[in-house]
Amino acid sequence: VGYHFGRTDSEAANGDFDQHAFNLDFTTAITQKANLNFGYRYFLTNAYNSNFDFTQHRVILGLNYNF
């Protein structure tokens, strides 16, 4: 479980923004050499020009195998 805050000063047309990122990750061992990873990310972006505010949801699935 995690949280990250970022502030960006941008010269782009969208301007400056703050971003809050929340994550939840789960990893389990399938075998001694293989792990299965599952994650969820939620991003909340607040632009100083509120017309550019947005949210994102990401689901992450991964398999790690050690040779």
PDB file of N, CA and C in Angstrom:
ATOM      1  N   VAL A   1       0.862  -1.171   0.000  1.00  0.00           N
ATOM      2  CA  VAL A   1       0.000   0.000   0.000  1.00  0.00           C
ATOM      3  C   VAL A   1       0.902   1.225   0.000  1.00  0.00           C
ATOM      4  N   GLY A   2       0.545   2.229  -0.803  1.00  0.00           N
ATOM      5  CA  GLY A   2       1.390   3.407  -0.865  1.00  0.00           C
ATOM      6  C   GLY A   2       0.654   4.649  -1.325  1.00  0.00           C
ATOM      7  N   TYR A   3       1.328   5.779  -1.145  1.00  0.00           N
ATOM      8  CA  TYR A   3       0.814   7.077  -1.557  1.00  0.00           C
ATOM      9  C   TYR A   3       1.984   7.923  -2.045  1.00  0.00           C
ATOM     10  N   HIS A   4       1.757   8.694  -3.080  1.00  0.00           N
ATOM     11  CA  HIS A   4       2.777   9.605  -3.591  1.00  0.00           C
ATOM     12  C   HIS A   4       2.120  10.924  -3.971  1.00  0.00           C
ATOM     13  N   PHE A   5       2.790  12.031  -3.635  1.00  0.00           N
ATOM     14  CA  PHE A   5       2.332  13.359  -4.038  1.00  0.00           C
ATOM     15  C   PHE A   5       3.402  13.981  -4.919  1.00  0.00           C
ATOM     16  N   GLY A   6       2.959  14.568  -6.033  1.00  0.00           N
ATOM     17  CA  GLY A   6       3.891  15.245  -6.917  1.00  0.00           C
ATOM     18  C   GLY A   6       3.331  16.583  -7.361  1.00  0.00           C
ATOM     19  N   ARG A   7       4.212  17.565  -7.482  1.00  0.00           N
ATOM     20  CA  ARG A   7       3.821  18.895  -7.973  1.00  0.00           C
ATOM     21  C   ARG A   7       4.669  19.189  -9.197  1.00  0.00           C
ATOM     22  N   THR A   8       4.023  19.544 -10.297  1.00  0.00           N
ATOM     23  CA  THR A   8       4.716  19.812 -11.552  1.00  0.00           C
ATOM     24  C   THR A   8       4.510  21.262 -11.961  1.00  0.00           C
ATOM     25  N   ASP A   9       5.611  21.930 -12.237  1.00  0.00           N
ATOM     26  CA  ASP A   9       5.585  23.278 -12.799  1.00  0.00           C
ATOM     27  C   ASP A   9       5.879  23.116 -14.285  1.00  0.00           C
ATOM     28  N   SER A  10       4.898  23.421 -15.118  1.00  0.00           N
ATOM     29  CA  SER A  10       5.016  23.141 -16.533  1.00  0.00           C
ATOM     30  C   SER A  10       4.844  24.403 -17.374  1.00  0.00           C
ATOM     31  N   GLU A  11       5.605  24.462 -18.442  1.00  0.00           N
ATOM     32  CA  GLU A  11       5.459  25.544 -19.416  1.00  0.00           C
ATOM     33  C   GLU A  11       4.446  25.164 -20.492  1.00  0.00           C
ATOM     34  N   ALA A  12       3.913  23.956 -20.424  1.00  0.00           N
ATOM     35  CA  ALA A  12       2.956  23.491 -21.430  1.00  0.00           C
ATOM     36  C   ALA A  12       1.633  24.242 -21.309  1.00  0.00           C
ATOM     37  N   ALA A  13       0.792  24.072 -22.314  1.00  0.00           N
ATOM     38  CA  ALA A  13      -0.492  24.787 -22.351  1.00  0.00           C
ATOM     39  C   ALA A  13      -1.388  24.425 -21.169  1.00  0.00           C
ATOM     40  N   ASN A  14      -1.270  23.184 -20.672  1.00  0.00           N
ATOM     41  CA  ASN A  14      -2.112  22.752 -19.550  1.00  0.00           C
ATOM     42  C   ASN A  14      -1.694  23.408 -18.242  1.00  0.00           C
ATOM     43  N   GLY A  15      -0.459  23.847 -18.144  1.00  0.00           N
ATOM     44  CA  GLY A  15       0.012  24.538 -16.952  1.00  0.00           C
ATOM     45  C   GLY A  15       0.441  23.623 -15.829  1.00  0.00           C
ATOM     46  N   ASP A  16       0.500  24.189 -14.626  1.00  0.00           N
ATOM     47  CA  ASP A  16       0.977  23.479 -13.442  1.00  0.00           C
ATOM     48  C   ASP A  16      -0.120  22.570 -12.887  1.00  0.00           C
ATOM     49  N   PHE A  17       0.321  21.494 -12.220  1.00  0.00           N
ATOM     50  CA  PHE A  17      -0.662  20.598 -11.607  1.00  0.00           C
ATOM     51  C   PHE A  17      -0.060  19.854 -10.420  1.00  0.00           C
ATOM     52  N   ASP A  18      -0.938  19.383  -9.538  1.00  0.00           N
ATOM     53  CA  ASP A  18      -0.599  18.494  -8.430  1.00  0.00           C
ATOM     54  C   ASP A  18      -1.163  17.119  -8.743  1.00  0.00           C
ATOM     55  N   GLN A  19      -0.444  16.074  -8.349  1.00  0.00           N
ATOM     56  CA  GLN A  19      -0.937  14.725  -8.574  1.00  0.00           C
ATOM     57  C   GLN A  19      -0.812  13.907  -7.292  1.00  0.00           C
ATOM     58  N   HIS A  20      -1.887  13.220  -6.961  1.00  0.00           N
ATOM     59  CA  HIS A  20      -1.936  12.282  -5.842  1.00  0.00           C
ATOM     60  C   HIS A  20      -2.038  10.888  -6.448  1.00  0.00           C
ATOM     61  N   ALA A  21      -1.172   9.989  -6.025  1.00  0.00           N
ATOM     62  CA  ALA A  21      -1.171   8.627  -6.549  1.00  0.00           C
ATOM     63  C   ALA A  21      -1.293   7.652  -5.382  1.00  0.00           C
ATOM     64  N   PHE A  22      -2.241   6.750  -5.483  1.00  0.00           N
ATOM     65  CA  PHE A  22      -2.464   5.718  -4.477  1.00  0.00           C
ATOM     66  C   PHE A  22      -2.229   4.362  -5.129  1.00  0.00           C
ATOM     67  N   ASN A  23      -1.585   3.448  -4.421  1.00  0.00           N
ATOM     68  CA  ASN A  23      -1.358   2.132  -4.990  1.00  0.00           C
ATOM     69  C   ASN A  23      -1.592   1.033  -3.965  1.00  0.00           C
ATOM     70  N   LEU A  24      -1.991  -0.099  -4.491  1.00  0.00           N
ATOM     71  CA  LEU A  24      -2.206  -1.314  -3.710  1.00  0.00           C
ATOM     72  C   LEU A  24      -1.604  -2.458  -4.514  1.00  0.00           C
ATOM     73  N   ASP A  25      -0.657  -3.183  -3.930  1.00  0.00           N
ATOM     74  CA  ASP A  25       0.035  -4.264  -4.629  1.00  0.00           C
ATOM     75  C   ASP A  25      -0.043  -5.561  -3.828  1.00  0.00           C
ATOM     76  N   PHE A  26      -0.109  -6.649  -4.566  1.00  0.00           N
ATOM     77  CA  PHE A  26      -0.146  -7.981  -3.971  1.00  0.00           C
ATOM     78  C   PHE A  26       0.772  -8.881  -4.780  1.00  0.00           C
ATOM     79  N   THR A  27       1.640  -9.625  -4.100  1.00  0.00           N
ATOM     80  CA  THR A  27       2.544 -10.568  -4.753  1.00  0.00           C
ATOM     81  C   THR A  27       2.440 -11.911  -4.052  1.00  0.00           C
ATOM     82  N   THR A  28       2.378 -12.965  -4.841  1.00  0.00           N
ATOM     83  CA  THR A  28       2.333 -14.306  -4.271  1.00  0.00           C
ATOM     84  C   THR A  28       3.291 -15.215  -5.037  1.00  0.00           C
ATOM     85  N   ALA A  29       3.881 -16.173  -4.338  1.00  0.00           N
ATOM     86  CA  ALA A  29       4.793 -17.129  -4.958  1.00  0.00           C
ATOM     87  C   ALA A  29       3.986 -18.270  -5.556  1.00  0.00           C
ATOM     88  N   ILE A  30       4.232 -18.536  -6.835  1.00  0.00           N
ATOM     89  CA  ILE A  30       3.592 -19.679  -7.499  1.00  0.00           C
ATOM     90  C   ILE A  30       4.464 -20.913  -7.314  1.00  0.00           C
ATOM     91  N   THR A  31       5.765 -20.736  -7.542  1.00  0.00           N
ATOM     92  CA  THR A  31       6.764 -21.780  -7.290  1.00  0.00           C
ATOM     93  C   THR A  31       7.952 -21.089  -6.619  1.00  0.00           C
ATOM     94  N   GLN A  32       9.032 -21.826  -6.393  1.00  0.00           N
ATOM     95  CA  GLN A  32      10.222 -21.221  -5.805  1.00  0.00           C
ATOM     96  C   GLN A  32      10.855 -20.188  -6.734  1.00  0.00           C
ATOM     97  N   LYS A  33      10.604 -20.305  -8.037  1.00  0.00           N
ATOM     98  CA  LYS A  33      11.205 -19.395  -9.009  1.00  0.00           C
ATOM     99  C   LYS A  33      10.223 -18.413  -9.635  1.00  0.00           C
ATOM    100  N   ALA A  34       8.947 -18.574  -9.384  1.00  0.00           N
ATOM    101  CA  ALA A  34       7.952 -17.737 -10.064  1.00  0.00           C
ATOM    102  C   ALA A  34       7.060 -16.999  -9.059  1.00  0.00           C
ATOM    103  N   ASN A  35       6.843 -15.707  -9.336  1.00  0.00           N
ATOM    104  CA  ASN A  35       5.941 -14.875  -8.536  1.00  0.00           C
ATOM    105  C   ASN A  35       4.871 -14.268  -9.439  1.00  0.00           C
ATOM    106  N   LEU A  36       3.677 -14.145  -8.918  1.00  0.00           N
ATOM    107  CA  LEU A  36       2.580 -13.492  -9.611  1.00  0.00           C
ATOM    108  C   LEU A  36       2.312 -12.171  -8.903  1.00  0.00           C
ATOM    109  N   ASN A  37       2.258 -11.077  -9.680  1.00  0.00           N
ATOM    110  CA  ASN A  37       2.065  -9.738  -9.119  1.00  0.00           C
ATOM    111  C   ASN A  37       0.748  -9.161  -9.617  1.00  0.00           C
ATOM    112  N   PHE A  38       0.018  -8.524  -8.708  1.00  0.00           N
ATOM    113  CA  PHE A  38      -1.216  -7.839  -9.064  1.00  0.00           C
ATOM    114  C   PHE A  38      -1.192  -6.468  -8.393  1.00  0.00           C
ATOM    115  N   GLY A  39      -1.521  -5.439  -9.138  1.00  0.00           N
ATOM    116  CA  GLY A  39      -1.487  -4.095  -8.575  1.00  0.00           C
ATOM    117  C   GLY A  39      -2.626  -3.231  -9.084  1.00  0.00           C
ATOM    118  N   TYR A  40      -2.958  -2.230  -8.306  1.00  0.00           N
ATOM    119  CA  TYR A  40      -3.970  -1.242  -8.680  1.00  0.00           C
ATOM    120  C   TYR A  40      -3.400   0.141  -8.408  1.00  0.00           C
ATOM    121  N   ARG A  41      -3.554   1.062  -9.350  1.00  0.00           N
ATOM    122  CA  ARG A  41      -3.099   2.442  -9.204  1.00  0.00           C
ATOM    123  C   ARG A  41      -4.268   3.387  -9.437  1.00  0.00           C
ATOM    124  N   TYR A  42      -4.360   4.403  -8.611  1.00  0.00           N
ATOM    125  CA  TYR A  42      -5.363   5.454  -8.782  1.00  0.00           C
ATOM    126  C   TYR A  42      -4.635   6.788  -8.766  1.00  0.00           C
ATOM    127  N   PHE A  43      -4.771   7.554  -9.828  1.00  0.00           N
ATOM    128  CA  PHE A  43      -4.139   8.858  -9.953  1.00  0.00           C
ATOM    129  C   PHE A  43      -5.210   9.941  -9.969  1.00  0.00           C
ATOM    130  N   LEU A  44      -5.029  10.942  -9.156  1.00  0.00           N
ATOM    131  CA  LEU A  44      -5.916  12.100  -9.109  1.00  0.00           C
ATOM    132  C   LEU A  44      -5.068  13.320  -9.439  1.00  0.00           C
ATOM    133  N   THR A  45      -5.358  13.961 -10.556  1.00  0.00           N
ATOM    134  CA  THR A  45      -4.568  15.097 -11.015  1.00  0.00           C
ATOM    135  C   THR A  45      -5.404  16.362 -10.933  1.00  0.00           C
ATOM    136  N   ASN A  46      -4.889  17.338 -10.200  1.00  0.00           N
ATOM    137  CA  ASN A  46      -5.564  18.624 -10.027  1.00  0.00           C
ATOM    138  C   ASN A  46      -4.723  19.699 -10.698  1.00  0.00           C
ATOM    139  N   ALA A  47      -5.199  20.189 -11.839  1.00  0.00           N
ATOM    140  CA  ALA A  47      -4.500  21.255 -12.555  1.00  0.00           C
ATOM    141  C   ALA A  47      -4.929  22.596 -11.975  1.00  0.00           C
ATOM    142  N   TYR A  48      -4.023  23.567 -12.021  1.00  0.00           N
ATOM    143  CA  TYR A  48      -4.379  24.893 -11.532  1.00  0.00           C
ATOM    144  C   TYR A  48      -5.454  25.520 -12.410  1.00  0.00           C
ATOM    145  N   ASN A  49      -5.529  25.081 -13.666  1.00  0.00           N
ATOM    146  CA  ASN A  49      -6.651  25.415 -14.539  1.00  0.00           C
ATOM    147  C   ASN A  49      -7.581  24.208 -14.463  1.00  0.00           C
ATOM    148  N   SER A  50      -8.671  24.289 -13.725  1.00  0.00           N
ATOM    149  CA  SER A  50      -9.501  23.120 -13.404  1.00  0.00           C
ATOM    150  C   SER A  50     -10.117  22.448 -14.633  1.00  0.00           C
ATOM    151  N   ASN A  51     -10.028  23.040 -15.800  1.00  0.00           N
ATOM    152  CA  ASN A  51     -10.535  22.387 -17.008  1.00  0.00           C
ATOM    153  C   ASN A  51      -9.709  21.161 -17.376  1.00  0.00           C
ATOM    154  N   PHE A  52      -8.530  21.018 -16.810  1.00  0.00           N
ATOM    155  CA  PHE A  52      -7.646  19.907 -17.148  1.00  0.00           C
ATOM    156  C   PHE A  52      -7.530  18.881 -16.018  1.00  0.00           C
ATOM    157  N   ASP A  53      -8.390  18.928 -15.011  1.00  0.00           N
ATOM    158  CA  ASP A  53      -8.398  17.913 -13.945  1.00  0.00           C
ATOM    159  C   ASP A  53      -8.796  16.559 -14.536  1.00  0.00           C
ATOM    160  N   PHE A  54      -8.194  15.480 -14.027  1.00  0.00           N
ATOM    161  CA  PHE A  54      -8.594  14.151 -14.477  1.00  0.00           C
ATOM    162  C   PHE A  54      -8.184  13.105 -13.445  1.00  0.00           C
ATOM    163  N   THR A  55      -8.753  11.910 -13.586  1.00  0.00           N
ATOM    164  CA  THR A  55      -8.383  10.755 -12.766  1.00  0.00           C
ATOM    165  C   THR A  55      -8.028   9.601 -13.700  1.00  0.00           C
ATOM    166  N   GLN A  56      -7.201   8.690 -13.205  1.00  0.00           N
ATOM    167  CA  GLN A  56      -6.841   7.488 -13.945  1.00  0.00           C
ATOM    168  C   GLN A  56      -6.897   6.290 -13.016  1.00  0.00           C
ATOM    169  N   HIS A  57      -7.317   5.157 -13.570  1.00  0.00           N
ATOM    170  CA  HIS A  57      -7.294   3.874 -12.876  1.00  0.00           C
ATOM    171  C   HIS A  57      -6.423   2.938 -13.702  1.00  0.00           C
ATOM    172  N   ARG A  58      -5.503   2.241 -13.060  1.00  0.00           N
ATOM    173  CA  ARG A  58      -4.647   1.285 -13.751  1.00  0.00           C
ATOM    174  C   ARG A  58      -4.629  -0.026 -12.982  1.00  0.00           C
ATOM    175  N   VAL A  59      -4.730  -1.109 -13.712  1.00  0.00           N
ATOM    176  CA  VAL A  59      -4.613  -2.447 -13.135  1.00  0.00           C
ATOM    177  C   VAL A  59      -3.371  -3.080 -13.743  1.00  0.00           C
ATOM    178  N   ILE A  60      -2.542  -3.668 -12.894  1.00  0.00           N
ATOM    179  CA  ILE A  60      -1.263  -4.212 -13.324  1.00  0.00           C
ATOM    180  C   ILE A  60      -1.230  -5.707 -12.959  1.00  0.00           C
ATOM    181  N   LEU A  61      -0.858  -6.515 -13.934  1.00  0.00           N
ATOM    182  CA  LEU A  61      -0.695  -7.939 -13.713  1.00  0.00           C
ATOM    183  C   LEU A  61       0.675  -8.330 -14.240  1.00  0.00           C
ATOM    184  N   GLY A  62       1.441  -9.031 -13.423  1.00  0.00           N
ATOM    185  CA  GLY A  62       2.791  -9.403 -13.859  1.00  0.00           C
ATOM    186  C   GLY A  62       3.187 -10.780 -13.374  1.00  0.00           C
ATOM    187  N   LEU A  63       4.110 -11.354 -14.100  1.00  0.00           N
ATOM    188  CA  LEU A  63       4.683 -12.646 -13.747  1.00  0.00           C
ATOM    189  C   LEU A  63       6.198 -12.483 -13.759  1.00  0.00           C
ATOM    190  N   ASN A  64       6.843 -12.854 -12.673  1.00  0.00           N
ATOM    191  CA  ASN A  64       8.296 -12.751 -12.551  1.00  0.00           C
ATOM    192  C   ASN A  64       8.838 -14.165 -12.397  1.00  0.00           C
ATOM    193  N   TYR A  65       9.726 -14.540 -13.319  1.00  0.00           N
ATOM    194  CA  TYR A  65      10.347 -15.863 -13.241  1.00  0.00           C
ATOM    195  C   TYR A  65      11.863 -15.704 -13.162  1.00  0.00           C
ATOM    196  N   ASN A  66      12.487 -16.299 -12.185  1.00  0.00           N
ATOM    197  CA  ASN A  66      13.945 -16.242 -12.008  1.00  0.00           C
ATOM    198  C   ASN A  66      14.572 -17.516 -12.584  1.00  0.00           C
ATOM    199  N   PHE A  67      15.422 -17.339 -13.589  1.00  0.00           N
ATOM    200  CA  PHE A  67      16.067 -18.468 -14.242  1.00  0.00           C
ATOM    201  C   PHE A  67      17.209 -19.000 -13.410  1.00  0.00           C
TER     202      PHE A  67
END
